[in-house]
Amino acid sequence: MFNFLKPKEIRYASRSPRWKDLRREHLAKYPKCSACGKTKGLEVHHIKPVHKYPELELDPLNLITLCDNQCHLTFGHFMDYKSWNKDVEHDCAVYYSKVKNKP
């Protein structure tokens, strides 16, 4: 039998009590969206999702900064919070390079 999670369960997975501090530290170190460069309305995205890899929740190497405007949903989840992008770091780097060098 399949165990499908509802979008709210995925997006609001329970977090460790240390998550807030790690999130704040991550945003201090990486204060802009990795895809578009925005510095407001930022999310800390887990590259490997917490509901699948709970042991990586507090691993700094499993985090990337994305804006809550469109980049988190687009690059992090392919427009569907039930999904995730295994290549989010690469895809964001490619897109950011294009944004940075736009004519």
N, C-alpha and C. Protein backbone atom coordinates (compact mmCIF):
# COMPACT_ATOMS: atom_id res chain seq x y z
N MET A 1 0.84 -1.18 0.00
CA MET A 1 0.00 0.00 0.00
C MET A 1 0.89 1.25 0.00
N PHE A 2 0.51 2.25 -0.75
CA PHE A 2 1.27 3.49 -0.84
C PHE A 2 0.93 4.41 0.33
N ASN A 3 1.95 5.15 0.78
CA ASN A 3 1.77 6.11 1.87
C ASN A 3 1.95 7.51 1.30
N PHE A 4 0.89 8.08 0.78
CA PHE A 4 0.96 9.41 0.20
C PHE A 4 0.77 10.46 1.30
N LEU A 5 1.66 11.43 1.32
CA LEU A 5 1.55 12.52 2.28
C LEU A 5 0.77 13.66 1.65
N LYS A 6 0.00 14.33 2.45
CA LYS A 6 -0.70 15.52 1.98
C LYS A 6 0.30 16.66 1.90
N PRO A 7 0.09 17.63 0.98
CA PRO A 7 1.04 18.74 0.83
C PRO A 7 1.35 19.42 2.16
N LYS A 8 0.37 19.62 3.01
CA LYS A 8 0.61 20.30 4.29
C LYS A 8 1.54 19.47 5.17
N GLU A 9 1.40 18.13 5.13
CA GLU A 9 2.28 17.28 5.92
C GLU A 9 3.71 17.36 5.43
N ILE A 10 3.91 17.49 4.13
CA ILE A 10 5.24 17.60 3.57
C ILE A 10 5.83 18.97 3.91
N ARG A 11 5.09 20.01 3.63
CA ARG A 11 5.59 21.38 3.81
C ARG A 11 5.82 21.69 5.28
N TYR A 12 5.01 21.18 6.16
CA TYR A 12 5.12 21.51 7.57
C TYR A 12 5.50 20.29 8.40
N ALA A 13 6.48 19.53 7.92
CA ALA A 13 6.95 18.37 8.66
C ALA A 13 7.47 18.84 10.02
N SER A 14 7.32 17.99 11.02
CA SER A 14 7.79 18.39 12.35
C SER A 14 9.30 18.61 12.31
N ARG A 15 9.76 19.55 13.11
CA ARG A 15 11.16 19.96 13.10
C ARG A 15 11.80 19.76 14.47
N SER A 16 13.08 19.57 14.43
CA SER A 16 13.88 19.48 15.65
C SER A 16 13.84 20.83 16.37
N PRO A 17 13.97 20.83 17.70
CA PRO A 17 14.04 22.10 18.43
C PRO A 17 15.25 22.94 17.99
N ARG A 18 16.24 22.31 17.38
CA ARG A 18 17.44 23.05 16.92
C ARG A 18 17.27 23.65 15.53
N TRP A 19 16.14 23.34 14.87
CA TRP A 19 15.92 23.81 13.50
C TRP A 19 15.94 25.33 13.38
N LYS A 20 15.28 26.04 14.27
CA LYS A 20 15.21 27.50 14.17
C LYS A 20 16.59 28.14 14.22
N ASP A 21 17.46 27.65 15.09
CA ASP A 21 18.82 28.19 15.18
C ASP A 21 19.62 27.88 13.92
N LEU A 22 19.51 26.65 13.44
CA LEU A 22 20.23 26.27 12.22
C LEU A 22 19.73 27.08 11.03
N ARG A 23 18.44 27.29 10.94
CA ARG A 23 17.85 28.08 9.85
C ARG A 23 18.40 29.51 9.89
N ARG A 24 18.42 30.11 11.08
CA ARG A 24 18.94 31.46 11.22
C ARG A 24 20.42 31.53 10.83
N GLU A 25 21.21 30.56 11.26
CA GLU A 25 22.64 30.52 10.92
C GLU A 25 22.83 30.36 9.41
N HIS A 26 22.03 29.50 8.80
CA HIS A 26 22.13 29.28 7.36
C HIS A 26 21.83 30.58 6.59
N LEU A 27 20.76 31.27 6.99
CA LEU A 27 20.39 32.51 6.29
C LEU A 27 21.44 33.61 6.52
N ALA A 28 22.11 33.61 7.65
CA ALA A 28 23.18 34.58 7.89
C ALA A 28 24.36 34.30 6.96
N LYS A 29 24.62 33.03 6.72
CA LYS A 29 25.75 32.64 5.86
C LYS A 29 25.39 32.71 4.37
N TYR A 30 24.14 32.43 4.03
CA TYR A 30 23.67 32.41 2.64
C TYR A 30 22.41 33.27 2.54
N PRO A 31 22.57 34.60 2.50
CA PRO A 31 21.42 35.51 2.62
C PRO A 31 20.73 35.89 1.31
N LYS A 32 20.90 35.08 0.28
CA LYS A 32 20.19 35.38 -0.97
C LYS A 32 19.73 34.09 -1.64
N CYS A 33 18.68 34.23 -2.41
CA CYS A 33 18.13 33.10 -3.15
C CYS A 33 19.18 32.56 -4.11
N SER A 34 19.40 31.27 -4.07
CA SER A 34 20.40 30.63 -4.92
C SER A 34 20.01 30.64 -6.39
N ALA A 35 18.74 30.85 -6.68
CA ALA A 35 18.28 30.85 -8.07
C ALA A 35 18.19 32.25 -8.67
N CYS A 36 17.60 33.20 -7.93
CA CYS A 36 17.37 34.53 -8.52
C CYS A 36 18.15 35.65 -7.84
N GLY A 37 18.71 35.39 -6.67
CA GLY A 37 19.51 36.40 -5.99
C GLY A 37 18.75 37.33 -5.06
N LYS A 38 17.44 37.15 -4.94
CA LYS A 38 16.67 38.01 -4.05
C LYS A 38 17.12 37.83 -2.60
N THR A 39 16.95 38.90 -1.81
CA THR A 39 17.39 38.86 -0.41
C THR A 39 16.23 39.00 0.57
N LYS A 40 15.03 39.07 0.09
CA LYS A 40 13.84 39.19 0.94
C LYS A 40 12.97 37.95 0.78
N GLY A 41 12.23 37.62 1.83
CA GLY A 41 11.29 36.50 1.76
C GLY A 41 11.97 35.18 1.47
N LEU A 42 12.97 34.83 2.25
CA LEU A 42 13.77 33.64 1.96
C LEU A 42 13.29 32.41 2.73
N GLU A 43 13.45 31.28 2.10
CA GLU A 43 13.16 29.97 2.68
C GLU A 43 14.47 29.18 2.74
N VAL A 44 14.60 28.34 3.73
CA VAL A 44 15.71 27.38 3.76
C VAL A 44 15.12 26.04 3.33
N HIS A 45 15.55 25.59 2.18
CA HIS A 45 15.01 24.38 1.55
C HIS A 45 15.93 23.20 1.84
N HIS A 46 15.33 22.08 2.20
CA HIS A 46 16.08 20.84 2.36
C HIS A 46 16.23 20.19 0.99
N ILE A 47 17.45 19.97 0.57
CA ILE A 47 17.72 19.37 -0.73
C ILE A 47 17.13 17.96 -0.78
N LYS A 48 17.42 17.18 0.24
CA LYS A 48 16.75 15.89 0.41
C LYS A 48 15.68 16.11 1.47
N PRO A 49 14.42 15.86 1.14
CA PRO A 49 13.32 16.24 2.02
C PRO A 49 13.33 15.53 3.37
N VAL A 50 12.91 16.27 4.38
CA VAL A 50 12.89 15.78 5.75
C VAL A 50 11.97 14.57 5.90
N HIS A 51 10.85 14.54 5.20
CA HIS A 51 9.94 13.41 5.36
C HIS A 51 10.52 12.11 4.80
N LYS A 52 11.52 12.19 3.92
CA LYS A 52 12.17 11.00 3.38
C LYS A 52 13.51 10.72 4.07
N TYR A 53 14.21 11.79 4.48
CA TYR A 53 15.54 11.68 5.06
C TYR A 53 15.60 12.47 6.37
N PRO A 54 14.88 12.04 7.40
CA PRO A 54 14.84 12.79 8.65
C PRO A 54 16.21 12.96 9.29
N GLU A 55 17.12 12.04 9.03
CA GLU A 55 18.46 12.13 9.60
C GLU A 55 19.27 13.30 9.02
N LEU A 56 18.82 13.88 7.90
CA LEU A 56 19.53 15.00 7.27
C LEU A 56 18.91 16.36 7.59
N GLU A 57 17.92 16.38 8.46
CA GLU A 57 17.23 17.63 8.77
C GLU A 57 18.19 18.72 9.22
N LEU A 58 19.17 18.39 10.05
CA LEU A 58 20.07 19.39 10.61
C LEU A 58 21.45 19.38 9.96
N ASP A 59 21.56 18.74 8.82
CA ASP A 59 22.83 18.69 8.09
C ASP A 59 22.95 19.95 7.23
N PRO A 60 23.90 20.83 7.53
CA PRO A 60 24.05 22.08 6.75
C PRO A 60 24.28 21.83 5.26
N LEU A 61 24.84 20.67 4.91
CA LEU A 61 25.09 20.37 3.49
C LEU A 61 23.81 19.98 2.75
N ASN A 62 22.73 19.82 3.48
CA ASN A 62 21.44 19.46 2.89
C ASN A 62 20.53 20.68 2.75
N LEU A 63 21.07 21.87 2.88
CA LEU A 63 20.27 23.09 2.85
C LEU A 63 20.66 24.00 1.70
N ILE A 64 19.67 24.71 1.17
CA ILE A 64 19.91 25.71 0.14
C ILE A 64 18.88 26.83 0.36
N THR A 65 19.29 28.06 0.12
CA THR A 65 18.40 29.21 0.29
C THR A 65 17.65 29.46 -1.01
N LEU A 66 16.33 29.55 -0.91
CA LEU A 66 15.47 29.88 -2.05
C LEU A 66 14.45 30.91 -1.61
N CYS A 67 14.03 31.79 -2.50
CA CYS A 67 13.03 32.79 -2.13
C CYS A 67 11.64 32.15 -2.10
N ASP A 68 10.80 32.71 -1.26
CA ASP A 68 9.44 32.17 -1.14
C ASP A 68 8.53 32.68 -2.24
N ASN A 69 9.05 33.52 -3.12
CA ASN A 69 8.25 34.06 -4.21
C ASN A 69 7.89 32.94 -5.17
N GLN A 70 8.81 32.51 -5.99
CA GLN A 70 8.56 31.42 -6.94
C GLN A 70 9.65 30.36 -6.91
N CYS A 71 10.84 30.72 -6.51
CA CYS A 71 11.97 29.81 -6.64
C CYS A 71 11.85 28.57 -5.77
N HIS A 72 11.34 28.71 -4.56
CA HIS A 72 11.19 27.54 -3.69
C HIS A 72 10.27 26.50 -4.34
N LEU A 73 9.12 26.94 -4.78
CA LEU A 73 8.17 26.03 -5.41
C LEU A 73 8.68 25.52 -6.76
N THR A 74 9.26 26.41 -7.57
CA THR A 74 9.70 26.05 -8.91
C THR A 74 10.94 25.15 -8.89
N PHE A 75 12.02 25.65 -8.30
CA PHE A 75 13.28 24.91 -8.33
C PHE A 75 13.34 23.80 -7.28
N GLY A 76 12.73 24.03 -6.13
CA GLY A 76 12.80 23.06 -5.06
C GLY A 76 11.81 21.91 -5.21
N HIS A 77 10.64 22.22 -5.83
CA HIS A 77 9.56 21.22 -5.85
C HIS A 77 8.89 21.01 -7.20
N PHE A 78 9.42 21.57 -8.27
CA PHE A 78 8.81 21.39 -9.59
C PHE A 78 7.33 21.72 -9.59
N MET A 79 6.96 22.80 -8.88
CA MET A 79 5.59 23.31 -8.83
C MET A 79 4.62 22.34 -8.13
N ASP A 80 5.15 21.45 -7.31
CA ASP A 80 4.31 20.48 -6.61
C ASP A 80 5.03 20.07 -5.33
N TYR A 81 4.50 20.48 -4.18
CA TYR A 81 5.16 20.20 -2.91
C TYR A 81 5.26 18.71 -2.59
N LYS A 82 4.59 17.85 -3.36
CA LYS A 82 4.74 16.41 -3.18
C LYS A 82 6.03 15.90 -3.82
N SER A 83 6.66 16.76 -4.61
CA SER A 83 7.87 16.38 -5.34
C SER A 83 9.06 17.17 -4.83
N TRP A 84 10.23 16.78 -5.24
CA TRP A 84 11.43 17.56 -4.93
C TRP A 84 12.44 17.36 -6.04
N ASN A 85 13.33 18.34 -6.16
CA ASN A 85 14.31 18.39 -7.23
C ASN A 85 15.65 17.91 -6.69
N LYS A 86 16.08 16.74 -7.11
CA LYS A 86 17.35 16.18 -6.66
C LYS A 86 18.54 17.01 -7.16
N ASP A 87 18.33 17.78 -8.23
CA ASP A 87 19.39 18.59 -8.83
C ASP A 87 19.21 20.08 -8.54
N VAL A 88 18.56 20.41 -7.43
CA VAL A 88 18.22 21.80 -7.13
C VAL A 88 19.45 22.70 -7.09
N GLU A 89 20.56 22.25 -6.55
CA GLU A 89 21.76 23.09 -6.48
C GLU A 89 22.26 23.43 -7.88
N HIS A 90 22.37 22.42 -8.72
CA HIS A 90 22.83 22.64 -10.09
C HIS A 90 21.86 23.52 -10.88
N ASP A 91 20.58 23.21 -10.80
CA ASP A 91 19.58 23.97 -11.55
C ASP A 91 19.57 25.44 -11.12
N CYS A 92 19.70 25.69 -9.81
CA CYS A 92 19.74 27.08 -9.33
C CYS A 92 20.99 27.80 -9.81
N ALA A 93 22.13 27.11 -9.80
CA ALA A 93 23.37 27.73 -10.26
C ALA A 93 23.29 28.12 -11.73
N VAL A 94 22.73 27.24 -12.54
CA VAL A 94 22.57 27.54 -13.97
C VAL A 94 21.65 28.74 -14.16
N TYR A 95 20.51 28.72 -13.49
CA TYR A 95 19.55 29.82 -13.63
C TYR A 95 20.14 31.13 -13.12
N TYR A 96 20.80 31.10 -11.96
CA TYR A 96 21.38 32.32 -11.39
C TYR A 96 22.42 32.91 -12.33
N SER A 97 23.20 32.06 -12.97
CA SER A 97 24.19 32.53 -13.94
C SER A 97 23.51 33.27 -15.10
N LYS A 98 22.38 32.74 -15.54
CA LYS A 98 21.63 33.40 -16.62
C LYS A 98 21.01 34.72 -16.15
N VAL A 99 20.49 34.74 -14.93
CA VAL A 99 19.92 35.98 -14.39
C VAL A 99 21.01 37.04 -14.25
N LYS A 100 22.14 36.64 -13.73
CA LYS A 100 23.26 37.55 -13.49
C LYS A 100 23.82 38.12 -14.80
N ASN A 101 23.77 37.35 -15.86
CA ASN A 101 24.34 37.75 -17.13
C ASN A 101 23.31 38.12 -18.19
N LYS A 102 22.09 38.41 -17.75
CA LYS A 102 21.05 38.73 -18.74
C LYS A 102 21.41 40.02 -19.47
N PRO A 103 21.00 40.09 -20.74
CA PRO A 103 21.32 41.29 -21.54
C PRO A 103 20.56 42.52 -21.07
